[in-house]
């Protein structure tokens, strides 16, 4: 079982950023079985660059739930899954950072679609989400919004699963990612 995620942040300083938009699709390898999407009140300013990129303004998130109000739902939808994303390190760091502020140590196995795509689609001109899904004929509506990017990542992940006949690359990537995480924790 997988939780395919995308997060947009307010563009704050490293380790001080806050989530402003989140989408999670629970995926059983064939279809989406649950989903959660929400704007999030960052309780901080959104940089002009991020406002222009995402079209999310401070006014839009003013009445959105704060992270602590959606934290339980995030735990429920991701429980017992592997967290999958396009550049998952960013999304996972944002989640861990947000939960840490609440005094909770959020840990989950992760899988990044970028290195898997590089192995399974070596002919791709670019591995940015927008260019990669376009080259595969996958529609990307609402680019740079969590819902649109997460939906496109679900479709990309389906393509990668289909291309990985023996599940060797996905298994290897999963093992590599999580062994690195373990080694870093030991260090």
C-alpha atoms as a PDB file:
ATOM      1  CA  UNK A   1       0.000   0.000   0.000  1.00  0.00           C
ATOM      2  CA  UNK A   2       1.267   3.464  -0.899  1.00  0.00           C
ATOM      3  CA  UNK A   3       0.508   7.056   0.070  1.00  0.00           C
ATOM      4  CA  UNK A   4       1.321   9.303  -2.851  1.00  0.00           C
ATOM      5  CA  UNK A   5       1.955  12.809  -1.611  1.00  0.00           C
ATOM      6  CA  UNK A   6       2.695  16.318  -2.728  1.00  0.00           C
ATOM      7  CA  UNK A   7       3.266  19.347  -0.532  1.00  0.00           C
ATOM      8  CA  UNK A   8       3.658  23.040  -1.276  1.00  0.00           C
ATOM      9  CA  UNK A   9       5.454  25.216   1.273  1.00  0.00           C
ATOM     10  CA  UNK A  10       5.357  28.921   2.048  1.00  0.00           C
ATOM     11  CA  UNK A  11       8.941  29.395   0.826  1.00  0.00           C
ATOM     12  CA  UNK A  12      10.354  30.269   4.235  1.00  0.00           C
ATOM     13  CA  UNK A  13      13.953  29.740   5.293  1.00  0.00           C
ATOM     14  CA  UNK A  14      15.261  26.170   5.334  1.00  0.00           C
ATOM     15  CA  UNK A  15      13.863  24.298   8.360  1.00  0.00           C
ATOM     16  CA  UNK A  16      11.462  27.180   9.007  1.00  0.00           C
ATOM     17  CA  UNK A  17       9.136  26.566   6.049  1.00  0.00           C
ATOM     18  CA  UNK A  18       5.513  25.682   6.647  1.00  0.00           C
ATOM     19  CA  UNK A  19       3.085  23.581   4.626  1.00  0.00           C
ATOM     20  CA  UNK A  20       0.459  25.608   2.740  1.00  0.00           C
ATOM     21  CA  UNK A  21      -1.020  22.883   0.505  1.00  0.00           C
ATOM     22  CA  UNK A  22      -1.069  19.086   0.902  1.00  0.00           C
ATOM     23  CA  UNK A  23      -2.525  16.190  -1.071  1.00  0.00           C
ATOM     24  CA  UNK A  24      -2.272  12.496  -0.256  1.00  0.00           C
ATOM     25  CA  UNK A  25      -3.707   9.655  -2.330  1.00  0.00           C
ATOM     26  CA  UNK A  26      -3.798   6.206  -0.718  1.00  0.00           C
ATOM     27  CA  UNK A  27      -3.001   3.815  -3.575  1.00  0.00           C
ATOM     28  CA  UNK A  28      -3.128   0.011  -3.517  1.00  0.00           C
ATOM     29  CA  UNK A  29      -1.000  -0.441  -6.648  1.00  0.00           C
ATOM     30  CA  UNK A  30      -4.041  -0.400  -8.927  1.00  0.00           C
ATOM     31  CA  UNK A  31      -6.397   2.321  -7.767  1.00  0.00           C
ATOM     32  CA  UNK A  32      -6.787   5.172  -5.325  1.00  0.00           C
ATOM     33  CA  UNK A  33      -8.663   3.930  -2.259  1.00  0.00           C
ATOM     34  CA  UNK A  34      -8.689   7.146  -0.190  1.00  0.00           C
ATOM     35  CA  UNK A  35      -7.597  10.743  -0.568  1.00  0.00           C
ATOM     36  CA  UNK A  36      -6.981  13.858   1.472  1.00  0.00           C
ATOM     37  CA  UNK A  37      -6.381  17.387   0.154  1.00  0.00           C
ATOM     38  CA  UNK A  38      -6.267  20.647   2.013  1.00  0.00           C
ATOM     39  CA  UNK A  39      -4.864  24.111   2.037  1.00  0.00           C
ATOM     40  CA  UNK A  40      -3.047  24.692   5.326  1.00  0.00           C
ATOM     41  CA  UNK A  41      -2.739  27.903   7.324  1.00  0.00           C
ATOM     42  CA  UNK A  42       1.048  28.240   7.746  1.00  0.00           C
ATOM     43  CA  UNK A  43       0.676  30.876  10.462  1.00  0.00           C
ATOM     44  CA  UNK A  44       3.464  32.670   8.577  1.00  0.00           C
ATOM     45  CA  UNK A  45       3.876  34.729   5.423  1.00  0.00           C
ATOM     46  CA  UNK A  46       3.958  33.160   1.965  1.00  0.00           C
ATOM     47  CA  UNK A  47       6.819  34.489  -0.141  1.00  0.00           C
ATOM     48  CA  UNK A  48       5.896  36.422  -3.309  1.00  0.00           C
ATOM     49  CA  UNK A  49       7.735  33.790  -5.394  1.00  0.00           C
ATOM     50  CA  UNK A  50       5.617  30.963  -3.963  1.00  0.00           C
ATOM     51  CA  UNK A  51       2.415  33.005  -4.349  1.00  0.00           C
ATOM     52  CA  UNK A  52       3.212  33.527  -8.028  1.00  0.00           C
ATOM     53  CA  UNK A  53       4.225  29.878  -8.581  1.00  0.00           C
ATOM     54  CA  UNK A  54       1.314  28.218  -6.747  1.00  0.00           C
ATOM     55  CA  UNK A  55      -1.340  30.933  -7.017  1.00  0.00           C
ATOM     56  CA  UNK A  56      -1.904  30.481  -3.274  1.00  0.00           C
ATOM     57  CA  UNK A  57      -2.203  33.776  -1.433  1.00  0.00           C
ATOM     58  CA  UNK A  58      -2.060  34.517   2.289  1.00  0.00           C
ATOM     59  CA  UNK A  59      -5.747  35.418   2.076  1.00  0.00           C
ATOM     60  CA  UNK A  60      -6.586  31.941   0.691  1.00  0.00           C
ATOM     61  CA  UNK A  61      -4.980  30.125   3.638  1.00  0.00           C
ATOM     62  CA  UNK A  62      -6.167  32.517   6.359  1.00  0.00           C
ATOM     63  CA  UNK A  63      -9.229  30.393   7.182  1.00  0.00           C
ATOM     64  CA  UNK A  64      -7.651  27.035   6.218  1.00  0.00           C
ATOM     65  CA  UNK A  65      -6.990  24.508   8.984  1.00  0.00           C
ATOM     66  CA  UNK A  66      -3.691  24.745  10.824  1.00  0.00           C
ATOM     67  CA  UNK A  67      -1.365  21.743  10.621  1.00  0.00           C
ATOM     68  CA  UNK A  68      -2.303  20.451  14.075  1.00  0.00           C
ATOM     69  CA  UNK A  69      -5.934  20.276  12.909  1.00  0.00           C
ATOM     70  CA  UNK A  70      -5.139  17.911  10.023  1.00  0.00           C
ATOM     71  CA  UNK A  71      -2.276  15.939  11.607  1.00  0.00           C
ATOM     72  CA  UNK A  72      -4.491  13.041  12.750  1.00  0.00           C
ATOM     73  CA  UNK A  73      -5.947  12.624   9.245  1.00  0.00           C
ATOM     74  CA  UNK A  74      -2.433  12.556   7.749  1.00  0.00           C
ATOM     75  CA  UNK A  75      -1.424   9.803  10.174  1.00  0.00           C
ATOM     76  CA  UNK A  76      -4.609   7.824   9.382  1.00  0.00           C
ATOM     77  CA  UNK A  77      -4.231   7.964   5.596  1.00  0.00           C
ATOM     78  CA  UNK A  78      -0.505   7.153   5.613  1.00  0.00           C
ATOM     79  CA  UNK A  79      -0.598   4.425   8.275  1.00  0.00           C
ATOM     80  CA  UNK A  80       0.781   1.103   7.020  1.00  0.00           C
ATOM     81  CA  UNK A  81       1.920   2.566   3.707  1.00  0.00           C
ATOM     82  CA  UNK A  82       5.074   3.613   1.905  1.00  0.00           C
ATOM     83  CA  UNK A  83       5.153   7.355   1.250  1.00  0.00           C
ATOM     84  CA  UNK A  84       5.738   8.000  -2.469  1.00  0.00           C
ATOM     85  CA  UNK A  85       6.570  11.307  -4.098  1.00  0.00           C
ATOM     86  CA  UNK A  86       8.442  13.037  -6.873  1.00  0.00           C
ATOM     87  CA  UNK A  87      11.466  14.292  -4.912  1.00  0.00           C
ATOM     88  CA  UNK A  88      10.121  12.631  -1.758  1.00  0.00           C
ATOM     89  CA  UNK A  89      12.929  14.006   0.414  1.00  0.00           C
ATOM     90  CA  UNK A  90      11.282  17.448   0.362  1.00  0.00           C
ATOM     91  CA  UNK A  91       7.770  16.206   1.196  1.00  0.00           C
ATOM     92  CA  UNK A  92       9.015  13.857   3.915  1.00  0.00           C
ATOM     93  CA  UNK A  93      11.187  16.582   5.481  1.00  0.00           C
ATOM     94  CA  UNK A  94       8.230  18.977   5.499  1.00  0.00           C
ATOM     95  CA  UNK A  95       5.991  16.381   7.182  1.00  0.00           C
ATOM     96  CA  UNK A  96       8.607  15.411   9.784  1.00  0.00           C
ATOM     97  CA  UNK A  97       9.335  19.059  10.516  1.00  0.00           C
ATOM     98  CA  UNK A  98       5.631  19.893  10.924  1.00  0.00           C
ATOM     99  CA  UNK A  99       5.003  16.907  13.195  1.00  0.00           C
ATOM    100  CA  UNK A 100       8.154  17.666  15.207  1.00  0.00           C
ATOM    101  CA  UNK A 101       6.702  21.098  16.016  1.00  0.00           C
ATOM    102  CA  UNK A 102       3.777  19.210  17.565  1.00  0.00           C
ATOM    103  CA  UNK A 103       6.135  16.994  19.580  1.00  0.00           C
ATOM    104  CA  UNK A 104       5.514  13.903  17.427  1.00  0.00           C
ATOM    105  CA  UNK A 105       8.252  11.909  15.670  1.00  0.00           C
ATOM    106  CA  UNK A 106       6.682  11.005  12.296  1.00  0.00           C
ATOM    107  CA  UNK A 107       8.511   8.141  10.578  1.00  0.00           C
ATOM    108  CA  UNK A 108       7.507   6.207   7.478  1.00  0.00           C
ATOM    109  CA  UNK A 109       9.213   4.299   4.661  1.00  0.00           C
ATOM    110  CA  UNK A 110       9.648   6.415   1.519  1.00  0.00           C
ATOM    111  CA  UNK A 111      10.013   5.894  -2.210  1.00  0.00           C
ATOM    112  CA  UNK A 112      11.114   8.540  -4.726  1.00  0.00           C
ATOM    113  CA  UNK A 113       9.762   8.371  -8.284  1.00  0.00           C
ATOM    114  CA  UNK A 114      12.692  10.351  -9.755  1.00  0.00           C
ATOM    115  CA  UNK A 115      15.444   7.681  -9.510  1.00  0.00           C
ATOM    116  CA  UNK A 116      12.942   4.976 -10.473  1.00  0.00           C
ATOM    117  CA  UNK A 117      11.943   6.975 -13.582  1.00  0.00           C
ATOM    118  CA  UNK A 118      15.622   7.475 -14.447  1.00  0.00           C
ATOM    119  CA  UNK A 119      16.120   3.689 -14.444  1.00  0.00           C
ATOM    120  CA  UNK A 120      12.862   2.732 -16.174  1.00  0.00           C
ATOM    121  CA  UNK A 121      12.591   5.653 -18.611  1.00  0.00           C
ATOM    122  CA  UNK A 122      16.251   6.392 -19.434  1.00  0.00           C
ATOM    123  CA  UNK A 123      15.313   8.134 -22.681  1.00  0.00           C
ATOM    124  CA  UNK A 124      13.394  10.954 -20.962  1.00  0.00           C
ATOM    125  CA  UNK A 125      14.711  14.440 -21.726  1.00  0.00           C
ATOM    126  CA  UNK A 126      13.829  15.712 -18.258  1.00  0.00           C
ATOM    127  CA  UNK A 127      12.776  14.208 -14.961  1.00  0.00           C
ATOM    128  CA  UNK A 128      10.977  17.278 -13.660  1.00  0.00           C
ATOM    129  CA  UNK A 129       7.399  16.235 -12.922  1.00  0.00           C
ATOM    130  CA  UNK A 130       5.815  18.552 -15.479  1.00  0.00           C
ATOM    131  CA  UNK A 131       8.069  17.597 -18.390  1.00  0.00           C
ATOM    132  CA  UNK A 132       8.180  13.896 -17.542  1.00  0.00           C
ATOM    133  CA  UNK A 133       4.421  13.405 -17.300  1.00  0.00           C
ATOM    134  CA  UNK A 134       3.879  15.479 -20.438  1.00  0.00           C
ATOM    135  CA  UNK A 135       6.297  13.218 -22.351  1.00  0.00           C
ATOM    136  CA  UNK A 136       4.268  10.207 -21.150  1.00  0.00           C
ATOM    137  CA  UNK A 137       0.913  11.741 -22.119  1.00  0.00           C
ATOM    138  CA  UNK A 138      -0.195  12.159 -18.506  1.00  0.00           C
ATOM    139  CA  UNK A 139      -2.250  15.307 -17.928  1.00  0.00           C
ATOM    140  CA  UNK A 140      -1.035  17.718 -15.256  1.00  0.00           C
ATOM    141  CA  UNK A 141      -3.817  20.026 -14.171  1.00  0.00           C
ATOM    142  CA  UNK A 142      -3.011  22.617 -11.517  1.00  0.00           C
ATOM    143  CA  UNK A 143       0.782  22.331 -11.704  1.00  0.00           C
ATOM    144  CA  UNK A 144       2.537  23.482  -8.521  1.00  0.00           C
ATOM    145  CA  UNK A 145      -0.584  22.759  -6.502  1.00  0.00           C
ATOM    146  CA  UNK A 146      -0.528  19.722  -4.232  1.00  0.00           C
ATOM    147  CA  UNK A 147      -3.663  18.109  -5.676  1.00  0.00           C
ATOM    148  CA  UNK A 148      -2.608  18.435  -9.313  1.00  0.00           C
ATOM    149  CA  UNK A 149       0.973  17.333  -8.735  1.00  0.00           C
ATOM    150  CA  UNK A 150      -0.057  14.383  -6.532  1.00  0.00           C
ATOM    151  CA  UNK A 151      -2.631  13.190  -9.115  1.00  0.00           C
ATOM    152  CA  UNK A 152       0.023  13.320 -11.839  1.00  0.00           C
ATOM    153  CA  UNK A 153       2.434  11.436  -9.547  1.00  0.00           C
ATOM    154  CA  UNK A 154      -0.194   8.698  -9.052  1.00  0.00           C
ATOM    155  CA  UNK A 155      -0.441   8.287 -12.836  1.00  0.00           C
ATOM    156  CA  UNK A 156       3.353   8.371 -13.214  1.00  0.00           C
ATOM    157  CA  UNK A 157       3.698   5.734 -10.484  1.00  0.00           C
ATOM    158  CA  UNK A 158       1.199   3.508 -12.342  1.00  0.00           C
ATOM    159  CA  UNK A 159       3.379   3.767 -15.472  1.00  0.00           C
ATOM    160  CA  UNK A 160       6.502   2.944 -13.459  1.00  0.00           C
ATOM    161  CA  UNK A 161       4.833  -0.087 -11.853  1.00  0.00           C
ATOM    162  CA  UNK A 162       3.737  -1.308 -15.325  1.00  0.00           C
ATOM    163  CA  UNK A 163       7.262  -0.866 -16.723  1.00  0.00           C
ATOM    164  CA  UNK A 164       8.886  -2.646 -13.766  1.00  0.00           C
ATOM    165  CA  UNK A 165       7.716  -6.168 -14.638  1.00  0.00           C
ATOM    166  CA  UNK A 166       9.621  -7.943 -11.866  1.00  0.00           C
ATOM    167  CA  UNK A 167       9.239  -5.109  -9.312  1.00  0.00           C
ATOM    168  CA  UNK A 168      13.020  -5.279  -8.991  1.00  0.00           C
ATOM    169  CA  UNK A 169      13.721  -1.572  -9.412  1.00  0.00           C
ATOM    170  CA  UNK A 170      10.963  -0.414  -7.084  1.00  0.00           C
ATOM    171  CA  UNK A 171      12.060  -2.983  -4.465  1.00  0.00           C
ATOM    172  CA  UNK A 172      15.732  -2.009  -4.875  1.00  0.00           C
ATOM    173  CA  UNK A 173      14.921   1.710  -4.655  1.00  0.00           C
ATOM    174  CA  UNK A 174      12.833   1.113  -1.548  1.00  0.00           C
ATOM    175  CA  UNK A 175      15.660  -0.851   0.106  1.00  0.00           C
ATOM    176  CA  UNK A 176      18.309   1.752  -0.863  1.00  0.00           C
ATOM    177  CA  UNK A 177      16.234   4.685   0.356  1.00  0.00           C
ATOM    178  CA  UNK A 178      15.364   3.102   3.662  1.00  0.00           C
ATOM    179  CA  UNK A 179      18.831   1.688   4.343  1.00  0.00           C
ATOM    180  CA  UNK A 180      20.263   5.196   3.848  1.00  0.00           C
ATOM    181  CA  UNK A 181      17.713   6.527   6.311  1.00  0.00           C
ATOM    182  CA  UNK A 182      18.693   3.838   8.812  1.00  0.00           C
ATOM    183  CA  UNK A 183      22.425   4.502   8.355  1.00  0.00           C
ATOM    184  CA  UNK A 184      21.851   8.241   8.861  1.00  0.00           C
ATOM    185  CA  UNK A 185      19.935   7.571  12.077  1.00  0.00           C
ATOM    186  CA  UNK A 186      22.747   5.308  13.340  1.00  0.00           C
ATOM    187  CA  UNK A 187      25.346   7.993  12.574  1.00  0.00           C
END
